[in-house]
Amino acid sequence: MSVADRHGSLEKAAPSANGKPIRDVDRLPENIRYLCSFYPSISHVCRETRINRQQFNKYIIGSVQPSIHLLRRIADFFNLNVDEMFLPTDELRIIFEIKRSSNFNFKIQGYENGPNLKVLTDILLRMSHSDAMTLRRYVGCYFRYNYAFDGSGRVVRSIFFISESNGLFVTKLLERLQHRSNGTNEITTHKYAGVLVALSGCIFNVEYETIMKSCVGHAAFSNLQRPGQKYIVGIQNSYSSATGKPTASRVVLERHSKRPCLREIINQCGMFLPRSPEIPPHILPLIDNSNKRGTDVFSLSNL
């Protein structure tokens, strides 16, 4: 039975630090106050939820509990399930930050309730409980090298960030690519946002292209646990716009020992011939794919 089903006679309790029980409903006022802090004002939330300000103030201080109908309206506004409104505030913060930072639009036209958000958040929360001690060692800034997925034989050098945020280890990737198809050599910038986890002696990264929303990428890196490790090698796969097929290649991360100037390192990103001075010679053996299929990338063959 859900919290919503039991609303009005909720007495479920959990022990607190001072030994007094905390009922589910006792968490609601604090959670509403926390959620409202992300918006310009309480009045703004009241207007958007079409709830009288005086009545809403009673929900905030906990003197009155909202009806099931109004509770669902409030939860929908914050992109939460009703049950999530009664979670311990620390758990609610993680779920809300995941949904908020991911910038997903779950209000799909034609589906009143959208997809099952609880399934998604449960997966992300389980991912966040991976080996944090291992991942924390990899927080920082990297150059990321791989052969271009367009089959040109050029090497892509991009910038890759790993950071810790609200219990999750998140990644950002910035690529500057020149597409042969347009014949102009104009540079297109791609930005990816991802989540990093450590499992089974490997580091896994799943990332989403956020500008054109064109693809999802995945990479698996070796976790060698070497002190002062500068290079992290792995394999990545995604979608090739040149072939229209899934494609994979070796990839290597080169750590920056000091915090670099962002503008300077972005200017160093791009696509280069393998023997260009911009590409360190010792990088090429780490991303070499030729011993597999005789090409620069692994690509799905025609069926």
Protein backbone atom coordinates (compact mmCIF):
# COMPACT_ATOMS: atom_id res chain seq x y z
CA MET A 1 0.00 0.00 0.00
CA SER A 2 1.45 3.36 -1.00
CA VAL A 3 1.83 6.48 1.11
CA ALA A 4 -0.95 8.05 -0.90
CA ASP A 5 -3.29 5.17 -0.10
CA ARG A 6 -2.53 5.52 3.58
CA HIS A 7 -2.71 9.33 3.62
CA GLY A 8 -4.87 10.84 6.34
CA SER A 9 -4.09 8.09 8.85
CA LEU A 10 -0.35 7.72 8.35
CA GLU A 11 1.40 6.52 11.45
CA LYS A 12 4.39 4.70 9.96
CA ALA A 13 7.45 5.83 11.89
CA ALA A 14 11.22 5.58 11.78
CA PRO A 15 13.66 6.29 14.62
CA SER A 16 15.38 9.67 14.64
CA ALA A 17 18.65 10.83 16.18
CA ASN A 18 16.96 11.84 19.45
CA GLY A 19 15.03 8.57 19.70
CA LYS A 20 11.66 10.09 18.79
CA PRO A 21 9.81 8.51 15.87
CA ILE A 22 9.52 10.37 12.58
CA ARG A 23 6.27 9.68 10.76
CA ASP A 24 6.06 9.78 6.99
CA VAL A 25 3.80 12.82 7.09
CA ASP A 26 6.24 14.69 9.33
CA ARG A 27 8.75 14.79 6.49
CA LEU A 28 6.37 16.47 4.06
CA PRO A 29 6.68 20.11 5.26
CA GLU A 30 10.50 20.03 5.18
CA ASN A 31 10.47 18.39 1.75
CA ILE A 32 8.07 20.98 0.34
CA ARG A 33 10.24 23.80 1.72
CA TYR A 34 13.32 22.25 0.15
CA LEU A 35 11.65 21.80 -3.25
CA CYS A 36 10.29 25.35 -3.24
CA SER A 37 13.81 26.72 -2.70
CA PHE A 38 14.60 25.98 -6.36
CA TYR A 39 11.95 28.45 -7.55
CA PRO A 40 11.80 32.26 -7.43
CA SER A 41 9.24 32.37 -4.62
CA ILE A 42 6.52 30.48 -2.80
CA SER A 43 3.99 32.61 -4.67
CA HIS A 44 5.43 31.33 -7.95
CA VAL A 45 4.87 27.73 -6.86
CA CYS A 46 1.34 28.58 -5.72
CA ARG A 47 0.49 30.15 -9.06
CA GLU A 48 1.85 27.20 -11.01
CA THR A 49 0.05 24.63 -8.85
CA ARG A 50 -3.13 26.76 -8.58
CA ILE A 51 -3.18 26.50 -4.78
CA ASN A 52 -4.14 29.35 -2.48
CA ARG A 53 -1.07 30.91 -0.82
CA GLN A 54 -2.57 30.86 2.68
CA GLN A 55 -3.47 27.19 2.29
CA PHE A 56 -0.02 26.38 0.91
CA ASN A 57 1.61 28.06 3.92
CA LYS A 58 -0.18 25.58 6.15
CA TYR A 59 1.38 22.72 4.20
CA ILE A 60 4.83 24.28 4.64
CA ILE A 61 4.55 24.62 8.41
CA GLY A 62 2.83 21.26 8.76
CA SER A 63 -0.36 22.45 10.45
CA VAL A 64 -2.48 20.92 7.67
CA GLN A 65 -1.90 18.03 5.28
CA PRO A 66 -2.91 18.48 1.62
CA SER A 67 -5.64 16.30 0.19
CA ILE A 68 -4.69 13.47 -2.12
CA HIS A 69 -5.82 15.52 -5.12
CA LEU A 70 -3.68 18.54 -4.19
CA LEU A 71 -0.75 16.36 -3.14
CA ARG A 72 -0.67 14.79 -6.58
CA ARG A 73 -0.78 18.24 -8.15
CA ILE A 74 2.18 19.37 -6.01
CA ALA A 75 4.17 16.22 -6.76
CA ASP A 76 3.51 16.56 -10.50
CA PHE A 77 4.78 20.14 -10.46
CA PHE A 78 8.08 19.02 -8.90
CA ASN A 79 8.28 16.04 -11.30
CA LEU A 80 8.03 13.56 -8.41
CA ASN A 81 5.84 10.64 -7.45
CA VAL A 82 3.53 11.12 -4.46
CA ASP A 83 5.42 8.52 -2.43
CA GLU A 84 8.69 10.34 -3.04
CA MET A 85 7.29 13.43 -1.31
CA PHE A 86 7.43 11.51 1.99
CA LEU A 87 10.98 10.18 1.68
CA PRO A 88 13.69 11.23 4.13
CA THR A 89 14.92 14.58 2.88
CA ASP A 90 18.42 13.32 2.05
CA GLU A 91 16.97 10.61 -0.20
CA LEU A 92 14.55 13.06 -1.79
CA ARG A 93 17.41 15.45 -2.57
CA ILE A 94 19.32 12.79 -4.50
CA ILE A 95 16.28 11.81 -6.55
CA PHE A 96 15.26 15.41 -7.23
CA GLU A 97 18.80 16.47 -8.20
CA ILE A 98 19.10 13.55 -10.61
CA LYS A 99 15.86 14.46 -12.33
CA ARG A 100 16.63 18.17 -12.29
CA SER A 101 20.23 17.95 -13.56
CA SER A 102 19.34 15.41 -16.23
CA ASN A 103 16.88 17.93 -17.70
CA PHE A 104 14.62 15.15 -18.92
CA ASN A 105 11.12 16.06 -20.06
CA PHE A 106 8.87 13.33 -18.74
CA LYS A 107 5.63 15.03 -19.75
CA ILE A 108 5.20 13.06 -22.93
CA GLN A 109 2.22 14.14 -24.98
CA GLY A 110 -0.52 11.56 -24.86
CA TYR A 111 0.68 9.97 -21.61
CA GLU A 112 -0.86 11.51 -18.54
CA ASN A 113 1.62 10.14 -16.03
CA GLY A 114 4.66 9.72 -18.29
CA PRO A 115 7.02 6.75 -17.91
CA ASN A 116 7.72 5.03 -14.62
CA LEU A 117 10.11 7.49 -12.96
CA LYS A 118 10.66 5.24 -9.95
CA VAL A 119 12.31 2.60 -12.14
CA LEU A 120 14.74 5.16 -13.52
CA THR A 121 15.58 6.73 -10.19
CA ASP A 122 16.06 3.33 -8.54
CA ILE A 123 18.58 2.43 -11.26
CA LEU A 124 20.46 5.69 -10.85
CA LEU A 125 20.50 5.38 -7.07
CA ARG A 126 21.89 1.86 -7.29
CA MET A 127 24.54 3.13 -9.68
CA SER A 128 25.47 5.90 -7.27
CA HIS A 129 26.23 3.31 -4.60
CA SER A 130 29.10 1.82 -6.61
CA ASP A 131 32.70 2.02 -5.41
CA ALA A 132 32.91 5.71 -4.46
CA MET A 133 36.45 5.38 -3.09
CA THR A 134 37.66 4.15 -6.47
CA LEU A 135 35.81 6.80 -8.46
CA ARG A 136 36.95 9.63 -6.23
CA ARG A 137 40.54 8.98 -7.32
CA TYR A 138 39.58 9.74 -10.91
CA VAL A 139 37.90 13.10 -10.31
CA GLY A 140 39.59 15.68 -12.51
CA CYS A 141 40.19 16.92 -16.05
CA TYR A 142 41.43 14.81 -18.98
CA PHE A 143 42.23 14.92 -22.65
CA ARG A 144 40.32 12.11 -24.36
CA TYR A 145 41.75 10.54 -27.53
CA ASN A 146 40.17 8.18 -30.07
CA TYR A 147 40.05 7.68 -33.84
CA ALA A 148 37.19 9.56 -35.47
CA PHE A 149 34.07 7.55 -36.19
CA ASP A 150 33.82 8.99 -39.72
CA GLY A 151 36.51 6.63 -41.03
CA SER A 152 38.85 9.50 -41.99
CA GLY A 153 41.76 8.10 -39.99
CA ARG A 154 42.03 11.30 -37.97
CA VAL A 155 42.45 11.38 -34.19
CA VAL A 156 39.92 13.22 -32.04
CA ARG A 157 41.24 15.03 -28.99
CA SER A 158 38.44 16.19 -26.70
CA ILE A 159 38.15 17.43 -23.13
CA PHE A 160 36.62 15.20 -20.45
CA PHE A 161 35.68 16.09 -16.86
CA ILE A 162 34.84 13.80 -13.94
CA SER A 163 33.28 15.33 -10.83
CA GLU A 164 31.28 14.29 -7.79
CA SER A 165 27.81 15.77 -7.39
CA ASN A 166 25.14 14.89 -4.84
CA GLY A 167 26.36 11.35 -4.33
CA LEU A 168 26.83 10.69 -8.07
CA PHE A 169 29.97 10.79 -10.17
CA VAL A 170 29.11 12.70 -13.31
CA THR A 171 31.03 13.37 -16.52
CA LYS A 172 31.12 16.07 -19.16
CA LEU A 173 32.64 15.69 -22.61
CA LEU A 174 33.26 18.45 -25.15
CA GLU A 175 34.17 17.49 -28.74
CA ARG A 176 35.06 19.77 -31.67
CA LEU A 177 34.58 17.81 -34.89
CA GLN A 178 35.01 18.59 -38.58
CA HIS A 179 32.55 16.67 -40.73
CA ARG A 180 33.75 15.63 -44.18
CA SER A 181 30.20 15.45 -45.49
CA ASN A 182 29.60 19.20 -45.61
CA GLY A 183 32.91 19.95 -47.38
CA THR A 184 33.39 23.20 -45.44
CA ASN A 185 35.66 22.00 -42.63
CA GLU A 186 33.44 23.91 -40.23
CA ILE A 187 33.83 22.82 -36.63
CA THR A 188 30.79 21.41 -34.86
CA THR A 189 30.78 21.29 -31.07
CA HIS A 190 29.25 18.31 -29.30
CA LYS A 191 28.59 18.21 -25.57
CA TYR A 192 27.84 15.08 -23.57
CA ALA A 193 26.67 14.63 -19.98
CA GLY A 194 27.11 11.25 -18.32
CA VAL A 195 27.20 9.10 -15.21
CA LEU A 196 30.29 7.15 -14.08
CA VAL A 197 30.27 3.93 -12.03
CA ALA A 198 32.92 1.47 -10.87
CA LEU A 199 32.05 -2.22 -10.97
CA SER A 200 33.93 -5.51 -11.43
CA GLY A 201 37.34 -3.87 -11.69
CA CYS A 202 36.22 -1.53 -14.49
CA ILE A 203 34.94 2.03 -14.80
CA PHE A 204 31.81 2.49 -16.91
CA ASN A 205 30.58 5.75 -18.38
CA VAL A 206 27.18 6.28 -20.04
CA GLU A 207 26.74 9.68 -21.66
CA TYR A 208 24.08 11.59 -23.59
CA GLU A 209 24.68 14.17 -26.33
CA THR A 210 22.92 17.28 -25.03
CA ILE A 211 23.00 19.76 -27.94
CA MET A 212 21.47 17.90 -30.88
CA LYS A 213 20.23 15.04 -28.66
CA SER A 214 21.43 12.69 -31.36
CA CYS A 215 23.00 9.74 -29.57
CA VAL A 216 24.05 7.95 -26.40
CA GLY A 217 27.63 6.77 -25.87
CA HIS A 218 29.17 4.16 -23.61
CA ALA A 219 32.77 3.57 -22.54
CA ALA A 220 34.47 1.00 -20.30
CA PHE A 221 37.91 1.75 -18.84
CA SER A 222 40.42 -0.43 -17.04
CA ASN A 223 40.73 0.30 -13.33
CA LEU A 224 44.39 -0.49 -12.74
CA GLN A 225 44.67 1.39 -9.42
CA ARG A 226 48.20 2.63 -10.05
CA PRO A 227 49.47 5.55 -7.93
CA GLY A 228 49.73 8.69 -10.03
CA GLN A 229 48.14 6.95 -13.00
CA LYS A 230 48.19 9.36 -15.98
CA TYR A 231 46.61 7.26 -18.75
CA ILE A 232 43.36 5.31 -18.55
CA VAL A 233 42.65 3.02 -21.49
CA GLY A 234 39.32 1.60 -22.59
CA ILE A 235 36.84 0.90 -25.36
CA GLN A 236 33.94 3.14 -26.36
CA ASN A 237 30.94 2.71 -28.60
CA SER A 238 28.31 5.01 -30.01
CA TYR A 239 26.72 5.97 -33.32
CA SER A 240 28.55 7.03 -36.48
CA SER A 241 26.74 9.76 -38.41
CA ALA A 242 28.97 8.96 -41.41
CA THR A 243 27.83 5.33 -41.72
CA GLY A 244 24.56 5.43 -39.82
CA LYS A 245 25.65 2.38 -37.80
CA PRO A 246 26.84 1.54 -34.29
CA THR A 247 30.60 2.03 -34.08
CA ALA A 248 33.34 1.40 -31.52
CA SER A 249 36.99 2.27 -30.98
CA ARG A 250 39.71 2.23 -28.39
CA VAL A 251 39.90 5.34 -26.25
CA VAL A 252 42.41 6.74 -23.77
CA LEU A 253 42.15 9.43 -21.09
CA GLU A 254 45.20 11.58 -20.32
CA ARG A 255 44.97 13.24 -16.91
CA HIS A 256 45.89 16.87 -16.33
CA SER A 257 47.99 16.98 -13.14
CA LYS A 258 47.01 20.59 -12.42
CA ARG A 259 43.79 22.47 -12.96
CA PRO A 260 44.15 23.78 -16.52
CA CYS A 261 42.87 26.96 -18.13
CA LEU A 262 39.54 25.94 -19.67
CA ARG A 263 39.84 28.24 -22.69
CA GLU A 264 43.36 26.99 -23.41
CA ILE A 265 42.47 23.29 -23.36
CA ILE A 266 39.31 23.80 -25.44
CA ASN A 267 41.45 25.47 -28.11
CA GLN A 268 43.62 22.34 -28.14
CA CYS A 269 40.66 20.09 -28.95
CA GLY A 270 39.79 19.02 -32.47
CA MET A 271 40.57 16.44 -35.18
CA PHE A 272 44.17 15.80 -36.22
CA LEU A 273 46.18 13.52 -38.48
CA PRO A 274 47.88 10.79 -36.42
CA ARG A 275 51.37 12.20 -37.06
CA SER A 276 50.40 15.78 -36.24
CA PRO A 277 52.53 17.43 -33.54
CA GLU A 278 49.37 18.03 -31.53
CA ILE A 279 49.03 14.27 -30.89
CA PRO A 280 51.70 12.83 -28.56
CA PRO A 281 53.32 9.82 -30.31
CA HIS A 282 52.86 7.59 -27.27
CA ILE A 283 49.07 8.04 -27.53
CA LEU A 284 48.80 6.30 -30.91
CA PRO A 285 49.63 2.75 -29.69
CA LEU A 286 47.04 3.14 -26.92
CA ILE A 287 44.19 3.88 -29.36
CA ASP A 288 45.37 1.68 -32.24
CA ASN A 289 42.58 -0.54 -33.62
CA SER A 290 44.37 -1.94 -36.66
CA ASN A 291 45.19 -5.30 -35.08
CA LYS A 292 41.49 -6.16 -35.06
CA ARG A 293 39.90 -5.46 -38.45
CA GLY A 294 42.50 -3.42 -40.27
CA THR A 295 40.54 -0.21 -39.88
CA ASP A 296 40.62 2.71 -37.48
CA VAL A 297 37.33 1.81 -35.80
CA PHE A 298 35.19 -1.25 -35.20
CA SER A 299 32.03 -0.79 -37.22
CA LEU A 300 28.97 -2.93 -37.71
CA SER A 301 29.28 -4.60 -41.09
CA ASN A 302 26.52 -4.57 -43.70
CA LEU A 303 24.06 -7.40 -43.23
